[in-house]
ModelCIF file with pLDDT and N, C-alpha, C, O atoms, coordinates in Angstrom:
data_MODEL
#
_entry.id   MODEL 
#
_entity.id                         1 
_entity.type                       polymer 
_entity.pdbx_number_of_molecules   1 
#
_entity_poly.entity_id                      1 
_entity_poly.type                           'polypeptide(L)' 
_entity_poly.nstd_linkage                   no 
_entity_poly.nstd_monomer                   no 
_entity_poly.pdbx_seq_one_letter_code       
;(UNK)(UNK)(UNK)(UNK)(UNK)(UNK)(UNK)(UNK)(UNK)(UNK)(UNK)(UNK)(UNK)(UNK)(UNK)(UNK)
(UNK)(UNK)(UNK)(UNK)(UNK)(UNK)(UNK)(UNK)(UNK)(UNK)(UNK)(UNK)(UNK)(UNK)(UNK)(UNK)
(UNK)(UNK)(UNK)(UNK)(UNK)(UNK)(UNK)(UNK)
;
_entity_poly.pdbx_seq_one_letter_code_can   XXXXXXXXXXXXXXXXXXXXXXXXXXXXXXXXXXXXXXXX 
_entity_poly.pdbx_strand_id                 A 
#
loop_
_entity_poly_seq.entity_id 
_entity_poly_seq.num 
_entity_poly_seq.mon_id 
_entity_poly_seq.hetero 
1 1  UNK n 
1 2  UNK n 
1 3  UNK n 
1 4  UNK n 
1 5  UNK n 
1 6  UNK n 
1 7  UNK n 
1 8  UNK n 
1 9  UNK n 
1 10 UNK n 
1 11 UNK n 
1 12 UNK n 
1 13 UNK n 
1 14 UNK n 
1 15 UNK n 
1 16 UNK n 
1 17 UNK n 
1 18 UNK n 
1 19 UNK n 
1 20 UNK n 
1 21 UNK n 
1 22 UNK n 
1 23 UNK n 
1 24 UNK n 
1 25 UNK n 
1 26 UNK n 
1 27 UNK n 
1 28 UNK n 
1 29 UNK n 
1 30 UNK n 
1 31 UNK n 
1 32 UNK n 
1 33 UNK n 
1 34 UNK n 
1 35 UNK n 
1 36 UNK n 
1 37 UNK n 
1 38 UNK n 
1 39 UNK n 
1 40 UNK n 
#
_struct_asym.id          A 
_struct_asym.entity_id   1 
#
loop_
_ma_qa_metric.id 
_ma_qa_metric.mode 
_ma_qa_metric.name 
_ma_qa_metric.software_group_id 
_ma_qa_metric.type 
1 global pLDDT . pLDDT 
2 local  pLDDT . pLDDT 
#
_ma_qa_metric_global.metric_id      1 
_ma_qa_metric_global.metric_value   92.53 
_ma_qa_metric_global.model_id       1 
_ma_qa_metric_global.ordinal_id     1 
#
loop_
_ma_qa_metric_local.label_asym_id 
_ma_qa_metric_local.label_comp_id 
_ma_qa_metric_local.label_seq_id 
_ma_qa_metric_local.metric_id 
_ma_qa_metric_local.metric_value 
_ma_qa_metric_local.model_id 
_ma_qa_metric_local.ordinal_id 
A UNK 1  2 95.00 1 1  
A UNK 2  2 96.00 1 2  
A UNK 3  2 96.00 1 3  
A UNK 4  2 96.00 1 4  
A UNK 5  2 96.00 1 5  
A UNK 6  2 95.00 1 6  
A UNK 7  2 93.00 1 7  
A UNK 8  2 90.00 1 8  
A UNK 9  2 88.00 1 9  
A UNK 10 2 90.00 1 10 
A UNK 11 2 90.00 1 11 
A UNK 12 2 87.00 1 12 
A UNK 13 2 87.00 1 13 
A UNK 14 2 87.00 1 14 
A UNK 15 2 85.00 1 15 
A UNK 16 2 84.00 1 16 
A UNK 17 2 82.00 1 17 
A UNK 18 2 77.00 1 18 
A UNK 19 2 79.00 1 19 
A UNK 20 2 86.00 1 20 
A UNK 21 2 90.00 1 21 
A UNK 22 2 90.00 1 22 
A UNK 23 2 93.00 1 23 
A UNK 24 2 95.00 1 24 
A UNK 25 2 94.00 1 25 
A UNK 26 2 94.00 1 26 
A UNK 27 2 96.00 1 27 
A UNK 28 2 97.00 1 28 
A UNK 29 2 96.00 1 29 
A UNK 30 2 97.00 1 30 
A UNK 31 2 98.00 1 31 
A UNK 32 2 98.00 1 32 
A UNK 33 2 98.00 1 33 
A UNK 34 2 98.00 1 34 
A UNK 35 2 98.00 1 35 
A UNK 36 2 98.00 1 36 
A UNK 37 2 98.00 1 37 
A UNK 38 2 98.00 1 38 
A UNK 39 2 98.00 1 39 
A UNK 40 2 98.00 1 40 
#
loop_
_atom_site.group_PDB 
_atom_site.id 
_atom_site.type_symbol 
_atom_site.label_atom_id 
_atom_site.label_alt_id 
_atom_site.label_comp_id 
_atom_site.label_asym_id 
_atom_site.label_entity_id 
_atom_site.label_seq_id 
_atom_site.pdbx_PDB_ins_code 
_atom_site.Cartn_x 
_atom_site.Cartn_y 
_atom_site.Cartn_z 
_atom_site.occupancy 
_atom_site.B_iso_or_equiv 
_atom_site.pdbx_formal_charge 
_atom_site.auth_seq_id 
_atom_site.auth_comp_id 
_atom_site.auth_asym_id 
_atom_site.auth_atom_id 
_atom_site.pdbx_PDB_model_num 
ATOM 1   N N  . UNK A 1 1  ? -17.430 19.414  7.537   1.00 95.00 ? 1  UNK A N  1 
ATOM 2   C CA . UNK A 1 1  ? -17.173 20.456  8.532   1.00 95.00 ? 1  UNK A CA 1 
ATOM 3   C C  . UNK A 1 1  ? -15.856 21.192  8.300   1.00 95.00 ? 1  UNK A C  1 
ATOM 4   O O  . UNK A 1 1  ? -15.786 22.410  8.462   1.00 95.00 ? 1  UNK A O  1 
ATOM 5   N N  . UNK A 1 2  ? -14.808 20.451  7.919   1.00 96.00 ? 2  UNK A N  1 
ATOM 6   C CA . UNK A 1 2  ? -13.470 21.044  7.843   1.00 96.00 ? 2  UNK A CA 1 
ATOM 7   C C  . UNK A 1 2  ? -12.994 21.321  6.422   1.00 96.00 ? 2  UNK A C  1 
ATOM 8   O O  . UNK A 1 2  ? -12.065 22.102  6.222   1.00 96.00 ? 2  UNK A O  1 
ATOM 9   N N  . UNK A 1 3  ? -13.625 20.685  5.430   1.00 96.00 ? 3  UNK A N  1 
ATOM 10  C CA . UNK A 1 3  ? -13.174 20.827  4.053   1.00 96.00 ? 3  UNK A CA 1 
ATOM 11  C C  . UNK A 1 3  ? -11.966 19.979  3.729   1.00 96.00 ? 3  UNK A C  1 
ATOM 12  O O  . UNK A 1 3  ? -11.447 20.046  2.614   1.00 96.00 ? 3  UNK A O  1 
ATOM 13  N N  . UNK A 1 4  ? -11.497 19.168  4.695   1.00 96.00 ? 4  UNK A N  1 
ATOM 14  C CA . UNK A 1 4  ? -10.340 18.302  4.482   1.00 96.00 ? 4  UNK A CA 1 
ATOM 15  C C  . UNK A 1 4  ? -10.645 17.282  3.384   1.00 96.00 ? 4  UNK A C  1 
ATOM 16  O O  . UNK A 1 4  ? -11.717 16.677  3.364   1.00 96.00 ? 4  UNK A O  1 
ATOM 17  N N  . UNK A 1 5  ? -9.688  17.102  2.472   1.00 96.00 ? 5  UNK A N  1 
ATOM 18  C CA . UNK A 1 5  ? -9.824  16.094  1.422   1.00 96.00 ? 5  UNK A CA 1 
ATOM 19  C C  . UNK A 1 5  ? -9.714  14.705  2.047   1.00 96.00 ? 5  UNK A C  1 
ATOM 20  O O  . UNK A 1 5  ? -8.933  14.496  2.975   1.00 96.00 ? 5  UNK A O  1 
ATOM 21  N N  . UNK A 1 6  ? -10.487 13.774  1.544   1.00 95.00 ? 6  UNK A N  1 
ATOM 22  C CA . UNK A 1 6  ? -10.453 12.403  2.041   1.00 95.00 ? 6  UNK A CA 1 
ATOM 23  C C  . UNK A 1 6  ? -9.013  11.909  2.103   1.00 95.00 ? 6  UNK A C  1 
ATOM 24  O O  . UNK A 1 6  ? -8.344  11.851  1.071   1.00 95.00 ? 6  UNK A O  1 
ATOM 25  N N  . UNK A 1 7  ? -8.515  11.547  3.298   1.00 93.00 ? 7  UNK A N  1 
ATOM 26  C CA . UNK A 1 7  ? -7.103  11.157  3.422   1.00 93.00 ? 7  UNK A CA 1 
ATOM 27  C C  . UNK A 1 7  ? -6.814  9.840   2.708   1.00 93.00 ? 7  UNK A C  1 
ATOM 28  O O  . UNK A 1 7  ? -7.714  9.038   2.460   1.00 93.00 ? 7  UNK A O  1 
ATOM 29  N N  . UNK A 1 8  ? -5.535  9.637   2.382   1.00 90.00 ? 8  UNK A N  1 
ATOM 30  C CA . UNK A 1 8  ? -5.129  8.461   1.614   1.00 90.00 ? 8  UNK A CA 1 
ATOM 31  C C  . UNK A 1 8  ? -5.572  7.163   2.279   1.00 90.00 ? 8  UNK A C  1 
ATOM 32  O O  . UNK A 1 8  ? -5.949  6.209   1.598   1.00 90.00 ? 8  UNK A O  1 
ATOM 33  N N  . UNK A 1 9  ? -5.528  7.128   3.610   1.00 88.00 ? 9  UNK A N  1 
ATOM 34  C CA . UNK A 1 9  ? -5.925  5.910   4.317   1.00 88.00 ? 9  UNK A CA 1 
ATOM 35  C C  . UNK A 1 9  ? -7.376  5.558   4.029   1.00 88.00 ? 9  UNK A C  1 
ATOM 36  O O  . UNK A 1 9  ? -7.714  4.391   3.830   1.00 88.00 ? 9  UNK A O  1 
ATOM 37  N N  . UNK A 1 10 ? -8.231  6.578   4.007   1.00 90.00 ? 10 UNK A N  1 
ATOM 38  C CA . UNK A 1 10 ? -9.642  6.322   3.752   1.00 90.00 ? 10 UNK A CA 1 
ATOM 39  C C  . UNK A 1 10 ? -9.915  6.090   2.265   1.00 90.00 ? 10 UNK A C  1 
ATOM 40  O O  . UNK A 1 10 ? -10.849 5.374   1.906   1.00 90.00 ? 10 UNK A O  1 
ATOM 41  N N  . UNK A 1 11 ? -9.099  6.697   1.408   1.00 90.00 ? 11 UNK A N  1 
ATOM 42  C CA . UNK A 1 11 ? -9.224  6.401   -0.026  1.00 90.00 ? 11 UNK A CA 1 
ATOM 43  C C  . UNK A 1 11 ? -9.000  4.914   -0.250  1.00 90.00 ? 11 UNK A C  1 
ATOM 44  O O  . UNK A 1 11 ? -9.758  4.263   -0.969  1.00 90.00 ? 11 UNK A O  1 
ATOM 45  N N  . UNK A 1 12 ? -7.969  4.389   0.362   1.00 87.00 ? 12 UNK A N  1 
ATOM 46  C CA . UNK A 1 12 ? -7.666  2.962   0.231   1.00 87.00 ? 12 UNK A CA 1 
ATOM 47  C C  . UNK A 1 12 ? -8.806  2.128   0.794   1.00 87.00 ? 12 UNK A C  1 
ATOM 48  O O  . UNK A 1 12 ? -9.188  1.117   0.205   1.00 87.00 ? 12 UNK A O  1 
ATOM 49  N N  . UNK A 1 13 ? -9.357  2.552   1.941   1.00 87.00 ? 13 UNK A N  1 
ATOM 50  C CA . UNK A 1 13 ? -10.446 1.810   2.557   1.00 87.00 ? 13 UNK A CA 1 
ATOM 51  C C  . UNK A 1 13 ? -11.687 1.816   1.671   1.00 87.00 ? 13 UNK A C  1 
ATOM 52  O O  . UNK A 1 13 ? -12.377 0.804   1.550   1.00 87.00 ? 13 UNK A O  1 
ATOM 53  N N  . UNK A 1 14 ? -11.968 2.964   1.053   1.00 87.00 ? 14 UNK A N  1 
ATOM 54  C CA . UNK A 1 14 ? -13.132 3.065   0.173   1.00 87.00 ? 14 UNK A CA 1 
ATOM 55  C C  . UNK A 1 14 ? -12.984 2.131   -1.010  1.00 87.00 ? 14 UNK A C  1 
ATOM 56  O O  . UNK A 1 14 ? -13.943 1.462   -1.395  1.00 87.00 ? 14 UNK A O  1 
ATOM 57  N N  . UNK A 1 15 ? -11.803 2.075   -1.591  1.00 85.00 ? 15 UNK A N  1 
ATOM 58  C CA . UNK A 1 15 ? -11.578 1.201   -2.735  1.00 85.00 ? 15 UNK A CA 1 
ATOM 59  C C  . UNK A 1 15 ? -11.685 -0.263  -2.323  1.00 85.00 ? 15 UNK A C  1 
ATOM 60  O O  . UNK A 1 15 ? -12.252 -1.074  -3.055  1.00 85.00 ? 15 UNK A O  1 
ATOM 61  N N  . UNK A 1 16 ? -11.146 -0.602  -1.162  1.00 84.00 ? 16 UNK A N  1 
ATOM 62  C CA . UNK A 1 16 ? -11.253 -1.984  -0.690  1.00 84.00 ? 16 UNK A CA 1 
ATOM 63  C C  . UNK A 1 16 ? -12.697 -2.332  -0.344  1.00 84.00 ? 16 UNK A C  1 
ATOM 64  O O  . UNK A 1 16 ? -13.137 -3.471  -0.505  1.00 84.00 ? 16 UNK A O  1 
ATOM 65  N N  . UNK A 1 17 ? -13.420 -1.327  0.135   1.00 82.00 ? 17 UNK A N  1 
ATOM 66  C CA . UNK A 1 17 ? -14.801 -1.547  0.529   1.00 82.00 ? 17 UNK A CA 1 
ATOM 67  C C  . UNK A 1 17 ? -15.670 -1.970  -0.660  1.00 82.00 ? 17 UNK A C  1 
ATOM 68  O O  . UNK A 1 17 ? -16.694 -2.630  -0.478  1.00 82.00 ? 17 UNK A O  1 
ATOM 69  N N  . UNK A 1 18 ? -15.259 -1.587  -1.885  1.00 77.00 ? 18 UNK A N  1 
ATOM 70  C CA . UNK A 1 18 ? -16.049 -1.932  -3.055  1.00 77.00 ? 18 UNK A CA 1 
ATOM 71  C C  . UNK A 1 18 ? -16.115 -3.431  -3.268  1.00 77.00 ? 18 UNK A C  1 
ATOM 72  O O  . UNK A 1 18 ? -17.016 -3.915  -3.953  1.00 77.00 ? 18 UNK A O  1 
ATOM 73  N N  . UNK A 1 19 ? -15.170 -4.182  -2.691  1.00 79.00 ? 19 UNK A N  1 
ATOM 74  C CA . UNK A 1 19 ? -15.198 -5.642  -2.802  1.00 79.00 ? 19 UNK A CA 1 
ATOM 75  C C  . UNK A 1 19 ? -15.690 -6.295  -1.524  1.00 79.00 ? 19 UNK A C  1 
ATOM 76  O O  . UNK A 1 19 ? -15.856 -7.513  -1.464  1.00 79.00 ? 19 UNK A O  1 
ATOM 77  N N  . UNK A 1 20 ? -15.920 -5.488  -0.511  1.00 86.00 ? 20 UNK A N  1 
ATOM 78  C CA . UNK A 1 20 ? -16.309 -6.051  0.783   1.00 86.00 ? 20 UNK A CA 1 
ATOM 79  C C  . UNK A 1 20 ? -17.747 -6.575  0.719   1.00 86.00 ? 20 UNK A C  1 
ATOM 80  O O  . UNK A 1 20 ? -18.642 -5.917  0.189   1.00 86.00 ? 20 UNK A O  1 
ATOM 81  N N  . UNK A 1 21 ? -17.944 -7.769  1.269   1.00 90.00 ? 21 UNK A N  1 
ATOM 82  C CA . UNK A 1 21 ? -19.293 -8.327  1.370   1.00 90.00 ? 21 UNK A CA 1 
ATOM 83  C C  . UNK A 1 21 ? -19.928 -8.668  0.038   1.00 90.00 ? 21 UNK A C  1 
ATOM 84  O O  . UNK A 1 21 ? -21.154 -8.713  -0.070  1.00 90.00 ? 21 UNK A O  1 
ATOM 85  N N  . UNK A 1 22 ? -19.107 -8.910  -0.989  1.00 90.00 ? 22 UNK A N  1 
ATOM 86  C CA . UNK A 1 22 ? -19.682 -9.194  -2.302  1.00 90.00 ? 22 UNK A CA 1 
ATOM 87  C C  . UNK A 1 22 ? -20.341 -10.564 -2.362  1.00 90.00 ? 22 UNK A C  1 
ATOM 88  O O  . UNK A 1 22 ? -21.204 -10.796 -3.209  1.00 90.00 ? 22 UNK A O  1 
ATOM 89  N N  . UNK A 1 23 ? -19.954 -11.463 -1.487  1.00 93.00 ? 23 UNK A N  1 
ATOM 90  C CA . UNK A 1 23 ? -20.654 -12.752 -1.427  1.00 93.00 ? 23 UNK A CA 1 
ATOM 91  C C  . UNK A 1 23 ? -22.105 -12.543 -1.054  1.00 93.00 ? 23 UNK A C  1 
ATOM 92  O O  . UNK A 1 23 ? -23.005 -13.079 -1.701  1.00 93.00 ? 23 UNK A O  1 
ATOM 93  N N  . UNK A 1 24 ? -22.332 -11.760 -0.004  1.00 95.00 ? 24 UNK A N  1 
ATOM 94  C CA . UNK A 1 24 ? -23.695 -11.448 0.440   1.00 95.00 ? 24 UNK A CA 1 
ATOM 95  C C  . UNK A 1 24 ? -24.439 -10.668 -0.639  1.00 95.00 ? 24 UNK A C  1 
ATOM 96  O O  . UNK A 1 24 ? -25.539 -11.049 -1.039  1.00 95.00 ? 24 UNK A O  1 
ATOM 97  N N  . UNK A 1 25 ? -23.832 -9.570  -1.113  1.00 94.00 ? 25 UNK A N  1 
ATOM 98  C CA . UNK A 1 25 ? -24.513 -8.689  -2.062  1.00 94.00 ? 25 UNK A CA 1 
ATOM 99  C C  . UNK A 1 25 ? -24.848 -9.410  -3.358  1.00 94.00 ? 25 UNK A C  1 
ATOM 100 O O  . UNK A 1 25 ? -25.939 -9.245  -3.902  1.00 94.00 ? 25 UNK A O  1 
ATOM 101 N N  . UNK A 1 26 ? -23.904 -10.214 -3.853  1.00 94.00 ? 26 UNK A N  1 
ATOM 102 C CA . UNK A 1 26 ? -24.146 -10.916 -5.108  1.00 94.00 ? 26 UNK A CA 1 
ATOM 103 C C  . UNK A 1 26 ? -25.175 -12.010 -4.923  1.00 94.00 ? 26 UNK A C  1 
ATOM 104 O O  . UNK A 1 26 ? -26.004 -12.235 -5.805  1.00 94.00 ? 26 UNK A O  1 
ATOM 105 N N  . UNK A 1 27 ? -25.135 -12.696 -3.790  1.00 96.00 ? 27 UNK A N  1 
ATOM 106 C CA . UNK A 1 27 ? -26.095 -13.778 -3.555  1.00 96.00 ? 27 UNK A CA 1 
ATOM 107 C C  . UNK A 1 27 ? -27.514 -13.246 -3.405  1.00 96.00 ? 27 UNK A C  1 
ATOM 108 O O  . UNK A 1 27 ? -28.445 -13.841 -3.948  1.00 96.00 ? 27 UNK A O  1 
ATOM 109 N N  . UNK A 1 28 ? -27.710 -12.140 -2.683  1.00 97.00 ? 28 UNK A N  1 
ATOM 110 C CA . UNK A 1 28 ? -29.071 -11.614 -2.537  1.00 97.00 ? 28 UNK A CA 1 
ATOM 111 C C  . UNK A 1 28 ? -29.599 -11.123 -3.883  1.00 97.00 ? 28 UNK A C  1 
ATOM 112 O O  . UNK A 1 28 ? -30.790 -11.239 -4.171  1.00 97.00 ? 28 UNK A O  1 
ATOM 113 N N  . UNK A 1 29 ? -28.700 -10.574 -4.703  1.00 96.00 ? 29 UNK A N  1 
ATOM 114 C CA . UNK A 1 29 ? -29.107 -10.151 -6.047  1.00 96.00 ? 29 UNK A CA 1 
ATOM 115 C C  . UNK A 1 29 ? -29.455 -11.365 -6.913  1.00 96.00 ? 29 UNK A C  1 
ATOM 116 O O  . UNK A 1 29 ? -30.499 -11.390 -7.564  1.00 96.00 ? 29 UNK A O  1 
ATOM 117 N N  . UNK A 1 30 ? -28.579 -12.366 -6.919  1.00 97.00 ? 30 UNK A N  1 
ATOM 118 C CA . UNK A 1 30 ? -28.833 -13.558 -7.725  1.00 97.00 ? 30 UNK A CA 1 
ATOM 119 C C  . UNK A 1 30 ? -30.101 -14.272 -7.270  1.00 97.00 ? 30 UNK A C  1 
ATOM 120 O O  . UNK A 1 30 ? -30.830 -14.826 -8.093  1.00 97.00 ? 30 UNK A O  1 
ATOM 121 N N  . UNK A 1 31 ? -30.367 -14.263 -5.975  1.00 98.00 ? 31 UNK A N  1 
ATOM 122 C CA . UNK A 1 31 ? -31.603 -14.884 -5.474  1.00 98.00 ? 31 UNK A CA 1 
ATOM 123 C C  . UNK A 1 31 ? -32.819 -14.213 -6.097  1.00 98.00 ? 31 UNK A C  1 
ATOM 124 O O  . UNK A 1 31 ? -33.783 -14.886 -6.462  1.00 98.00 ? 31 UNK A O  1 
ATOM 125 N N  . UNK A 1 32 ? -32.776 -12.885 -6.220  1.00 98.00 ? 32 UNK A N  1 
ATOM 126 C CA . UNK A 1 32 ? -33.882 -12.168 -6.860  1.00 98.00 ? 32 UNK A CA 1 
ATOM 127 C C  . UNK A 1 32 ? -33.968 -12.518 -8.341  1.00 98.00 ? 32 UNK A C  1 
ATOM 128 O O  . UNK A 1 32 ? -35.064 -12.661 -8.883  1.00 98.00 ? 32 UNK A O  1 
ATOM 129 N N  . UNK A 1 33 ? -32.804 -12.658 -9.003  1.00 98.00 ? 33 UNK A N  1 
ATOM 130 C CA . UNK A 1 33 ? -32.803 -13.042 -10.424 1.00 98.00 ? 33 UNK A CA 1 
ATOM 131 C C  . UNK A 1 33 ? -33.448 -14.413 -10.620 1.00 98.00 ? 33 UNK A C  1 
ATOM 132 O O  . UNK A 1 33 ? -34.305 -14.591 -11.486 1.00 98.00 ? 33 UNK A O  1 
ATOM 133 N N  . UNK A 1 34 ? -33.025 -15.371 -9.809  1.00 98.00 ? 34 UNK A N  1 
ATOM 134 C CA . UNK A 1 34 ? -33.572 -16.727 -9.940  1.00 98.00 ? 34 UNK A CA 1 
ATOM 135 C C  . UNK A 1 34 ? -35.061 -16.752 -9.597  1.00 98.00 ? 34 UNK A C  1 
ATOM 136 O O  . UNK A 1 34 ? -35.831 -17.488 -10.213 1.00 98.00 ? 34 UNK A O  1 
ATOM 137 N N  . UNK A 1 35 ? -35.459 -15.951 -8.620  1.00 98.00 ? 35 UNK A N  1 
ATOM 138 C CA . UNK A 1 35 ? -36.870 -15.887 -8.257  1.00 98.00 ? 35 UNK A CA 1 
ATOM 139 C C  . UNK A 1 35 ? -37.691 -15.309 -9.403  1.00 98.00 ? 35 UNK A C  1 
ATOM 140 O O  . UNK A 1 35 ? -38.765 -15.815 -9.725  1.00 98.00 ? 35 UNK A O  1 
ATOM 141 N N  . UNK A 1 36 ? -37.184 -14.258 -10.007 1.00 98.00 ? 36 UNK A N  1 
ATOM 142 C CA . UNK A 1 36 ? -37.836 -13.654 -11.167 1.00 98.00 ? 36 UNK A CA 1 
ATOM 143 C C  . UNK A 1 36 ? -38.017 -14.692 -12.277 1.00 98.00 ? 36 UNK A C  1 
ATOM 144 O O  . UNK A 1 36 ? -39.106 -14.826 -12.836 1.00 98.00 ? 36 UNK A O  1 
ATOM 145 N N  . UNK A 1 37 ? -36.948 -15.423 -12.592 1.00 98.00 ? 37 UNK A N  1 
ATOM 146 C CA . UNK A 1 37 ? -37.033 -16.426 -13.655 1.00 98.00 ? 37 UNK A CA 1 
ATOM 147 C C  . UNK A 1 37 ? -37.936 -17.588 -13.258 1.00 98.00 ? 37 UNK A C  1 
ATOM 148 O O  . UNK A 1 37 ? -38.627 -18.148 -14.109 1.00 98.00 ? 37 UNK A O  1 
ATOM 149 N N  . UNK A 1 38 ? -37.940 -17.959 -11.980 1.00 98.00 ? 38 UNK A N  1 
ATOM 150 C CA . UNK A 1 38 ? -38.820 -19.055 -11.547 1.00 98.00 ? 38 UNK A CA 1 
ATOM 151 C C  . UNK A 1 38 ? -40.279 -18.727 -11.832 1.00 98.00 ? 38 UNK A C  1 
ATOM 152 O O  . UNK A 1 38 ? -41.030 -19.580 -12.307 1.00 98.00 ? 38 UNK A O  1 
ATOM 153 N N  . UNK A 1 39 ? -40.676 -17.507 -11.546 1.00 98.00 ? 39 UNK A N  1 
ATOM 154 C CA . UNK A 1 39 ? -42.060 -17.101 -11.820 1.00 98.00 ? 39 UNK A CA 1 
ATOM 155 C C  . UNK A 1 39 ? -42.334 -17.053 -13.321 1.00 98.00 ? 39 UNK A C  1 
ATOM 156 O O  . UNK A 1 39 ? -43.433 -17.384 -13.764 1.00 98.00 ? 39 UNK A O  1 
ATOM 157 N N  . UNK A 1 40 ? -41.357 -16.651 -14.087 1.00 98.00 ? 40 UNK A N  1 
ATOM 158 C CA . UNK A 1 40 ? -41.613 -16.365 -15.504 1.00 98.00 ? 40 UNK A CA 1 
ATOM 159 C C  . UNK A 1 40 ? -41.155 -17.451 -16.470 1.00 98.00 ? 40 UNK A C  1 
ATOM 160 O O  . UNK A 1 40 ? -41.322 -17.310 -17.681 1.00 98.00 ? 40 UNK A O  1 
#
C-alpha cells in the first residue's frame, strides 16, 4: 500500500524466522523420508 521498504526490525525477524520451528518442519519432512524408504 505505501511502498515502504521492509524495516530493519522486520528484516531481522524474517531472518530469524528462517530457523523458527525447524524441529517441527524437519521432523515432518524426515517422517515422509522414512515412510518412503519403509515402503521401498
